[in-house]
Amino acid sequence: MVDDIHHTAHEPASDPEAIEEILEEDAVDIDFDDVVEAAAATVEAAEAAPPLGDDGLDSAAVADLERQVAGLKAQLEDRANQSMRIAADFENYRKRTSKEKDELATQIKGDTVIELLPVVDNFERARSQIKPQTEAEMTIHKSYQSVYKQLVETLKRLGVSAMRAEGQEFDPLLHEAVMREPTADHAEGSVIEEFVRGYQLGDRVLRHAMVKVAAPPEDNSNNPDIESPGSSD
């Protein structure tokens, strides 16, 4: 059975004589003169075509591509400038809002401290006026003075500082003159005495110091109502 199948399925490609017959049937005569003429015609057509650029494109196409590239470059530059402006605006906005936030926090802190300053004043008045006589009174005195000390330390941590006006030159930005005293013992315009202490929060004045300021001594010789010593009636 197998032998029958092999005999009936004989392939012509395995037979040399059959191969020669196929080649003879499919053979095509090639005319080389025709090939040369076709190539020459192709060359002539190429020479008659519009001039080509370096990349094989004609000049019009190259010019159009250059215009497109220039347009894309301009758009890219415009987008880059817009991005830079947006980034700069955002940075300015961030700095401005951060500054406003800090100023608001300082304002709230300052307003709160201003409300606490009378409490500090009362502690200081008590310390200067109350003189404990007994051990029990001294215990109470030390107790509330410890609270005063804690309050002052808290204010310092918040950035609050007390002015030391006495002996300083009068500064209307820091001091409020409630009295003037003619004297030769102090320089004119200097603070002689501090009635109410002033406080600052950083550069901000929370409360001006109320002070007495030295004035130049009065010249009695210019006053006709005052007689000079040794004058006769």
C-alpha atoms as a PDB file:
ATOM      1  CA  MET A   1       0.000   0.000   0.000  1.00  0.00           C
ATOM      2  CA  VAL A   2       2.768   2.421   0.928  1.00  0.00           C
ATOM      3  CA  ASP A   3       4.678   1.645  -2.243  1.00  0.00           C
ATOM      4  CA  ASP A   4       1.613   2.436  -4.330  1.00  0.00           C
ATOM      5  CA  ILE A   5       1.255   5.834  -2.700  1.00  0.00           C
ATOM      6  CA  HIS A   6       4.901   6.766  -3.416  1.00  0.00           C
ATOM      7  CA  HIS A   7       4.646   5.786  -7.023  1.00  0.00           C
ATOM      8  CA  THR A   8       1.465   7.723  -7.674  1.00  0.00           C
ATOM      9  CA  ALA A   9       2.722  10.846  -5.861  1.00  0.00           C
ATOM     10  CA  HIS A  10       5.868  11.192  -7.990  1.00  0.00           C
ATOM     11  CA  GLU A  11       7.017  14.845  -7.954  1.00  0.00           C
ATOM     12  CA  PRO A  12       8.336  16.279 -11.218  1.00  0.00           C
ATOM     13  CA  ALA A  13      10.774  18.559  -9.347  1.00  0.00           C
ATOM     14  CA  SER A  14      12.795  15.500  -8.367  1.00  0.00           C
ATOM     15  CA  ASP A  15      13.234  14.467 -11.979  1.00  0.00           C
ATOM     16  CA  PRO A  16      16.073  16.262 -13.873  1.00  0.00           C
ATOM     17  CA  GLU A  17      14.348  15.830 -17.194  1.00  0.00           C
ATOM     18  CA  ALA A  18      11.149  17.346 -15.876  1.00  0.00           C
ATOM     19  CA  ILE A  19      13.090  20.354 -14.534  1.00  0.00           C
ATOM     20  CA  GLU A  20      14.610  21.030 -17.949  1.00  0.00           C
ATOM     21  CA  GLU A  21      11.172  20.919 -19.530  1.00  0.00           C
ATOM     22  CA  ILE A  22       9.821  23.473 -17.047  1.00  0.00           C
ATOM     23  CA  LEU A  23      12.749  25.844 -17.649  1.00  0.00           C
ATOM     24  CA  GLU A  24      12.299  25.584 -21.395  1.00  0.00           C
ATOM     25  CA  GLU A  25       8.558  26.328 -21.095  1.00  0.00           C
ATOM     26  CA  ASP A  26       9.035  29.330 -18.775  1.00  0.00           C
ATOM     27  CA  ALA A  27      12.096  30.757 -20.491  1.00  0.00           C
ATOM     28  CA  VAL A  28      11.819  34.508 -21.344  1.00  0.00           C
ATOM     29  CA  ASP A  29      13.957  36.269 -23.889  1.00  0.00           C
ATOM     30  CA  ILE A  30      15.593  39.440 -22.384  1.00  0.00           C
ATOM     31  CA  ASP A  31      16.395  42.241 -24.805  1.00  0.00           C
ATOM     32  CA  PHE A  32      19.218  44.255 -23.268  1.00  0.00           C
ATOM     33  CA  ASP A  33      18.739  47.077 -25.759  1.00  0.00           C
ATOM     34  CA  ASP A  34      15.252  47.664 -24.387  1.00  0.00           C
ATOM     35  CA  VAL A  35      16.652  47.795 -20.857  1.00  0.00           C
ATOM     36  CA  VAL A  36      19.226  50.428 -21.828  1.00  0.00           C
ATOM     37  CA  GLU A  37      16.613  52.586 -23.556  1.00  0.00           C
ATOM     38  CA  ALA A  38      14.318  52.442 -20.473  1.00  0.00           C
ATOM     39  CA  ALA A  39      17.159  53.519 -18.186  1.00  0.00           C
ATOM     40  CA  ALA A  40      18.033  56.444 -20.450  1.00  0.00           C
ATOM     41  CA  ALA A  41      14.425  57.586 -20.448  1.00  0.00           C
ATOM     42  CA  THR A  42      14.374  57.504 -16.632  1.00  0.00           C
ATOM     43  CA  VAL A  43      17.526  59.646 -16.473  1.00  0.00           C
ATOM     44  CA  GLU A  44      16.081  62.206 -18.870  1.00  0.00           C
ATOM     45  CA  ALA A  45      12.880  62.417 -16.826  1.00  0.00           C
ATOM     46  CA  ALA A  46      14.876  62.983 -13.644  1.00  0.00           C
ATOM     47  CA  GLU A  47      16.922  65.749 -15.273  1.00  0.00           C
ATOM     48  CA  ALA A  48      13.778  67.482 -16.491  1.00  0.00           C
ATOM     49  CA  ALA A  49      12.169  67.382 -12.972  1.00  0.00           C
ATOM     50  CA  PRO A  50      12.356  70.451 -10.600  1.00  0.00           C
ATOM     51  CA  PRO A  51      15.679  70.860  -8.741  1.00  0.00           C
ATOM     52  CA  LEU A  52      16.015  68.747  -5.660  1.00  0.00           C
ATOM     53  CA  GLY A  53      17.267  69.733  -2.209  1.00  0.00           C
ATOM     54  CA  ASP A  54      20.038  67.934  -0.385  1.00  0.00           C
ATOM     55  CA  ASP A  55      17.531  65.550   1.150  1.00  0.00           C
ATOM     56  CA  GLY A  56      15.876  64.639  -2.098  1.00  0.00           C
ATOM     57  CA  LEU A  57      12.946  67.083  -1.788  1.00  0.00           C
ATOM     58  CA  ASP A  58      12.211  69.868  -4.220  1.00  0.00           C
ATOM     59  CA  SER A  59      12.884  73.481  -3.249  1.00  0.00           C
ATOM     60  CA  ALA A  60       9.223  74.370  -2.756  1.00  0.00           C
ATOM     61  CA  ALA A  61       8.722  71.480  -0.347  1.00  0.00           C
ATOM     62  CA  VAL A  62      11.896  72.402   1.534  1.00  0.00           C
ATOM     63  CA  ALA A  63      10.793  76.020   1.821  1.00  0.00           C
ATOM     64  CA  ASP A  64       7.387  74.939   3.076  1.00  0.00           C
ATOM     65  CA  LEU A  65       8.962  72.680   5.678  1.00  0.00           C
ATOM     66  CA  GLU A  66      11.269  75.497   6.769  1.00  0.00           C
ATOM     67  CA  ARG A  67       8.257  77.769   7.228  1.00  0.00           C
ATOM     68  CA  GLN A  68       6.533  75.119   9.294  1.00  0.00           C
ATOM     69  CA  VAL A  69       9.636  74.608  11.445  1.00  0.00           C
ATOM     70  CA  ALA A  70       9.973  78.365  11.970  1.00  0.00           C
ATOM     71  CA  GLY A  71       6.318  78.559  12.989  1.00  0.00           C
ATOM     72  CA  LEU A  72       6.705  75.678  15.428  1.00  0.00           C
ATOM     73  CA  LYS A  73       9.819  77.293  16.911  1.00  0.00           C
ATOM     74  CA  ALA A  74       7.934  80.557  17.410  1.00  0.00           C
ATOM     75  CA  GLN A  75       5.055  78.719  19.091  1.00  0.00           C
ATOM     76  CA  LEU A  76       7.494  76.816  21.310  1.00  0.00           C
ATOM     77  CA  GLU A  77       9.255  80.032  22.319  1.00  0.00           C
ATOM     78  CA  ASP A  78       5.910  81.695  23.046  1.00  0.00           C
ATOM     79  CA  ARG A  79       4.816  78.761  25.205  1.00  0.00           C
ATOM     80  CA  ALA A  80       8.151  78.816  27.032  1.00  0.00           C
ATOM     81  CA  ASN A  81       7.781  82.551  27.734  1.00  0.00           C
ATOM     82  CA  GLN A  82       4.231  82.012  28.982  1.00  0.00           C
ATOM     83  CA  SER A  83       5.431  79.233  31.279  1.00  0.00           C
ATOM     84  CA  MET A  84       8.190  81.472  32.663  1.00  0.00           C
ATOM     85  CA  ARG A  85       5.722  84.311  33.280  1.00  0.00           C
ATOM     86  CA  ILE A  86       3.286  81.980  35.015  1.00  0.00           C
ATOM     87  CA  ALA A  87       6.089  80.565  37.178  1.00  0.00           C
ATOM     88  CA  ALA A  88       7.268  84.094  38.090  1.00  0.00           C
ATOM     89  CA  ASP A  89       3.716  85.205  38.913  1.00  0.00           C
ATOM     90  CA  PHE A  90       3.197  82.147  41.089  1.00  0.00           C
ATOM     91  CA  GLU A  91       6.481  82.748  42.936  1.00  0.00           C
ATOM     92  CA  ASN A  92       5.508  86.382  43.572  1.00  0.00           C
ATOM     93  CA  TYR A  93       2.075  85.255  44.762  1.00  0.00           C
ATOM     94  CA  ARG A  94       3.657  82.705  47.084  1.00  0.00           C
ATOM     95  CA  LYS A  95       6.027  85.274  48.584  1.00  0.00           C
ATOM     96  CA  ARG A  96       3.236  87.833  48.957  1.00  0.00           C
ATOM     97  CA  THR A  97       0.860  85.429  50.674  1.00  0.00           C
ATOM     98  CA  SER A  98       3.663  84.177  52.938  1.00  0.00           C
ATOM     99  CA  LYS A  99       4.489  87.757  53.940  1.00  0.00           C
ATOM    100  CA  GLU A 100       0.827  88.580  54.538  1.00  0.00           C
ATOM    101  CA  LYS A 101       0.478  85.430  56.642  1.00  0.00           C
ATOM    102  CA  ASP A 102       3.487  86.404  58.774  1.00  0.00           C
ATOM    103  CA  GLU A 103       2.200  89.956  59.181  1.00  0.00           C
ATOM    104  CA  LEU A 104      -1.226  88.686  60.213  1.00  0.00           C
ATOM    105  CA  ALA A 105       0.310  86.312  62.764  1.00  0.00           C
ATOM    106  CA  THR A 106       2.422  89.166  64.167  1.00  0.00           C
ATOM    107  CA  GLN A 107      -0.629  91.433  64.326  1.00  0.00           C
ATOM    108  CA  ILE A 108      -2.663  88.842  66.226  1.00  0.00           C
ATOM    109  CA  LYS A 109       0.248  88.119  68.569  1.00  0.00           C
ATOM    110  CA  GLY A 110       0.767  91.835  69.222  1.00  0.00           C
ATOM    111  CA  ASP A 111      -2.923  92.473  69.916  1.00  0.00           C
ATOM    112  CA  THR A 112      -2.959  89.593  72.399  1.00  0.00           C
ATOM    113  CA  VAL A 113       0.151  90.854  74.200  1.00  0.00           C
ATOM    114  CA  ILE A 114      -1.309  94.368  74.452  1.00  0.00           C
ATOM    115  CA  GLU A 115      -4.224  92.912  76.398  1.00  0.00           C
ATOM    116  CA  LEU A 116      -1.780  91.221  78.808  1.00  0.00           C
ATOM    117  CA  LEU A 117       0.387  94.279  79.507  1.00  0.00           C
ATOM    118  CA  PRO A 118      -1.907  95.678  82.264  1.00  0.00           C
ATOM    119  CA  VAL A 119      -1.505  92.357  84.076  1.00  0.00           C
ATOM    120  CA  VAL A 120       2.283  92.762  83.915  1.00  0.00           C
ATOM    121  CA  ASP A 121       1.930  96.325  85.228  1.00  0.00           C
ATOM    122  CA  ASN A 122      -0.102  95.128  88.220  1.00  0.00           C
ATOM    123  CA  PHE A 123       2.502  92.510  89.078  1.00  0.00           C
ATOM    124  CA  GLU A 124       5.239  95.139  88.964  1.00  0.00           C
ATOM    125  CA  ARG A 125       3.249  97.553  91.134  1.00  0.00           C
ATOM    126  CA  ALA A 126       2.658  94.804  93.675  1.00  0.00           C
ATOM    127  CA  ARG A 127       6.343  93.957  93.765  1.00  0.00           C
ATOM    128  CA  SER A 128       7.356  97.574  94.375  1.00  0.00           C
ATOM    129  CA  GLN A 129       4.579  98.495  96.833  1.00  0.00           C
ATOM    130  CA  ILE A 130       3.906  95.397  98.909  1.00  0.00           C
ATOM    131  CA  LYS A 131       6.407  94.835 101.678  1.00  0.00           C
ATOM    132  CA  PRO A 132       5.789  91.462 103.302  1.00  0.00           C
ATOM    133  CA  GLN A 133       6.321  91.495 107.060  1.00  0.00           C
ATOM    134  CA  THR A 134       5.695  87.918 108.128  1.00  0.00           C
ATOM    135  CA  GLU A 135       6.810  84.579 106.818  1.00  0.00           C
ATOM    136  CA  ALA A 136       3.306  83.831 105.547  1.00  0.00           C
ATOM    137  CA  GLU A 137       3.213  87.127 103.652  1.00  0.00           C
ATOM    138  CA  MET A 138       6.628  86.373 102.187  1.00  0.00           C
ATOM    139  CA  THR A 139       5.373  82.988 101.004  1.00  0.00           C
ATOM    140  CA  ILE A 140       2.435  84.629  99.241  1.00  0.00           C
ATOM    141  CA  HIS A 141       4.730  87.298  97.812  1.00  0.00           C
ATOM    142  CA  LYS A 142       7.099  84.719  96.365  1.00  0.00           C
ATOM    143  CA  SER A 143       4.186  82.747  94.997  1.00  0.00           C
ATOM    144  CA  TYR A 144       2.691  85.497  92.857  1.00  0.00           C
ATOM    145  CA  GLN A 145       6.145  86.757  91.901  1.00  0.00           C
ATOM    146  CA  SER A 146       6.892  83.330  90.458  1.00  0.00           C
ATOM    147  CA  VAL A 147       3.736  83.683  88.334  1.00  0.00           C
ATOM    148  CA  TYR A 148       4.948  87.128  87.234  1.00  0.00           C
ATOM    149  CA  LYS A 149       8.337  85.692  86.299  1.00  0.00           C
ATOM    150  CA  GLN A 150       6.692  82.934  84.259  1.00  0.00           C
ATOM    151  CA  LEU A 151       4.556  85.500  82.435  1.00  0.00           C
ATOM    152  CA  VAL A 152       7.589  87.639  81.608  1.00  0.00           C
ATOM    153  CA  GLU A 153       9.525  84.625  80.311  1.00  0.00           C
ATOM    154  CA  THR A 154       6.590  83.673  78.096  1.00  0.00           C
ATOM    155  CA  LEU A 155       6.477  87.180  76.634  1.00  0.00           C
ATOM    156  CA  LYS A 156      10.192  87.022  75.916  1.00  0.00           C
ATOM    157  CA  ARG A 157       9.780  83.753  74.023  1.00  0.00           C
ATOM    158  CA  LEU A 158       7.115  85.449  71.918  1.00  0.00           C
ATOM    159  CA  GLY A 159       9.616  88.151  70.977  1.00  0.00           C
ATOM    160  CA  VAL A 160       8.342  90.862  73.337  1.00  0.00           C
ATOM    161  CA  SER A 161      10.950  93.168  74.834  1.00  0.00           C
ATOM    162  CA  ALA A 162      10.600  95.904  77.466  1.00  0.00           C
ATOM    163  CA  MET A 163      11.987  99.360  76.788  1.00  0.00           C
ATOM    164  CA  ARG A 164      14.536 100.829  79.169  1.00  0.00           C
ATOM    165  CA  ALA A 165      13.791 104.463  78.587  1.00  0.00           C
ATOM    166  CA  GLU A 166      15.344 106.058  81.665  1.00  0.00           C
ATOM    167  CA  GLY A 167      18.617 107.769  80.828  1.00  0.00           C
ATOM    168  CA  GLN A 168      18.011 107.455  77.074  1.00  0.00           C
ATOM    169  CA  GLU A 169      17.476 110.298  74.658  1.00  0.00           C
ATOM    170  CA  PHE A 170      13.817 111.055  74.097  1.00  0.00           C
ATOM    171  CA  ASP A 171      12.517 109.354  70.950  1.00  0.00           C
ATOM    172  CA  PRO A 172       8.967 110.246  69.891  1.00  0.00           C
ATOM    173  CA  LEU A 173       8.724 106.926  68.070  1.00  0.00           C
ATOM    174  CA  LEU A 174       9.246 105.054  71.337  1.00  0.00           C
ATOM    175  CA  HIS A 175       8.356 107.465  74.130  1.00  0.00           C
ATOM    176  CA  GLU A 176       5.435 109.648  75.113  1.00  0.00           C
ATOM    177  CA  ALA A 177       6.447 112.723  77.115  1.00  0.00           C
ATOM    178  CA  VAL A 178       3.881 113.406  79.832  1.00  0.00           C
ATOM    179  CA  MET A 179       6.078 115.818  81.790  1.00  0.00           C
ATOM    180  CA  ARG A 180       9.027 118.167  81.211  1.00  0.00           C
ATOM    181  CA  GLU A 181      11.288 119.210  84.051  1.00  0.00           C
ATOM    182  CA  PRO A 182      13.844 122.020  83.789  1.00  0.00           C
ATOM    183  CA  THR A 183      17.083 120.710  85.218  1.00  0.00           C
ATOM    184  CA  ALA A 184      20.808 121.151  84.942  1.00  0.00           C
ATOM    185  CA  ASP A 185      21.522 117.657  86.232  1.00  0.00           C
ATOM    186  CA  HIS A 186      20.484 115.891  83.022  1.00  0.00           C
ATOM    187  CA  ALA A 187      21.104 116.561  79.353  1.00  0.00           C
ATOM    188  CA  GLU A 188      18.324 118.374  77.598  1.00  0.00           C
ATOM    189  CA  GLY A 189      15.964 115.955  75.889  1.00  0.00           C
ATOM    190  CA  SER A 190      16.963 112.950  77.968  1.00  0.00           C
ATOM    191  CA  VAL A 191      14.470 110.789  79.845  1.00  0.00           C
ATOM    192  CA  ILE A 192      14.606 111.493  83.562  1.00  0.00           C
ATOM    193  CA  GLU A 193      11.932 109.131  84.788  1.00  0.00           C
ATOM    194  CA  GLU A 194       9.762 106.356  83.385  1.00  0.00           C
ATOM    195  CA  PHE A 195       6.155 106.299  84.624  1.00  0.00           C
ATOM    196  CA  VAL A 196       4.784 103.485  82.450  1.00  0.00           C
ATOM    197  CA  ARG A 197       7.090 101.015  80.766  1.00  0.00           C
ATOM    198  CA  GLY A 198       6.928 100.617  77.008  1.00  0.00           C
ATOM    199  CA  TYR A 199       7.049  97.339  75.107  1.00  0.00           C
ATOM    200  CA  GLN A 200       8.003  96.232  71.616  1.00  0.00           C
ATOM    201  CA  LEU A 201       7.330  93.148  69.526  1.00  0.00           C
ATOM    202  CA  GLY A 202      10.259  93.039  67.151  1.00  0.00           C
ATOM    203  CA  ASP A 203      10.223  96.433  65.450  1.00  0.00           C
ATOM    204  CA  ARG A 204       6.573  97.083  66.281  1.00  0.00           C
ATOM    205  CA  VAL A 205       5.849  99.332  69.261  1.00  0.00           C
ATOM    206  CA  LEU A 206       3.112  97.730  71.338  1.00  0.00           C
ATOM    207  CA  ARG A 207       2.990 100.539  73.876  1.00  0.00           C
ATOM    208  CA  HIS A 208       4.919 103.790  74.124  1.00  0.00           C
ATOM    209  CA  ALA A 209       6.760 104.465  77.350  1.00  0.00           C
ATOM    210  CA  MET A 210       5.303 107.354  79.347  1.00  0.00           C
ATOM    211  CA  VAL A 211       8.243 109.421  80.568  1.00  0.00           C
ATOM    212  CA  LYS A 212       9.455 112.680  82.088  1.00  0.00           C
ATOM    213  CA  VAL A 213      11.885 114.569  79.857  1.00  0.00           C
ATOM    214  CA  ALA A 214      14.635 116.946  80.922  1.00  0.00           C
ATOM    215  CA  ALA A 215      14.254 120.554  79.818  1.00  0.00           C
ATOM    216  CA  PRO A 216      16.895 123.316  79.935  1.00  0.00           C
ATOM    217  CA  PRO A 217      17.091 125.100  83.301  1.00  0.00           C
ATOM    218  CA  GLU A 218      15.185 128.336  83.618  1.00  0.00           C
ATOM    219  CA  ASP A 219      17.202 131.570  83.581  1.00  0.00           C
ATOM    220  CA  ASN A 220      15.932 133.679  86.489  1.00  0.00           C
ATOM    221  CA  SER A 221      17.825 136.759  85.325  1.00  0.00           C
ATOM    222  CA  ASN A 222      15.428 137.109  82.400  1.00  0.00           C
ATOM    223  CA  ASN A 223      12.392 137.093  84.693  1.00  0.00           C
ATOM    224  CA  PRO A 224      11.618 140.696  85.904  1.00  0.00           C
ATOM    225  CA  ASP A 225       9.279 139.388  88.594  1.00  0.00           C
ATOM    226  CA  ILE A 226      12.152 137.707  90.476  1.00  0.00           C
ATOM    227  CA  GLU A 227      14.545 140.087  92.276  1.00  0.00           C
ATOM    228  CA  SER A 228      18.221 139.286  92.241  1.00  0.00           C
ATOM    229  CA  PRO A 229      19.914 138.729  95.631  1.00  0.00           C
ATOM    230  CA  GLY A 230      21.196 141.923  97.347  1.00  0.00           C
ATOM    231  CA  SER A 231      18.891 144.271  95.480  1.00  0.00           C
ATOM    232  CA  SER A 232      17.549 147.235  97.499  1.00  0.00           C
ATOM    233  CA  ASP A 233      13.967 148.387  97.767  1.00  0.00           C
END
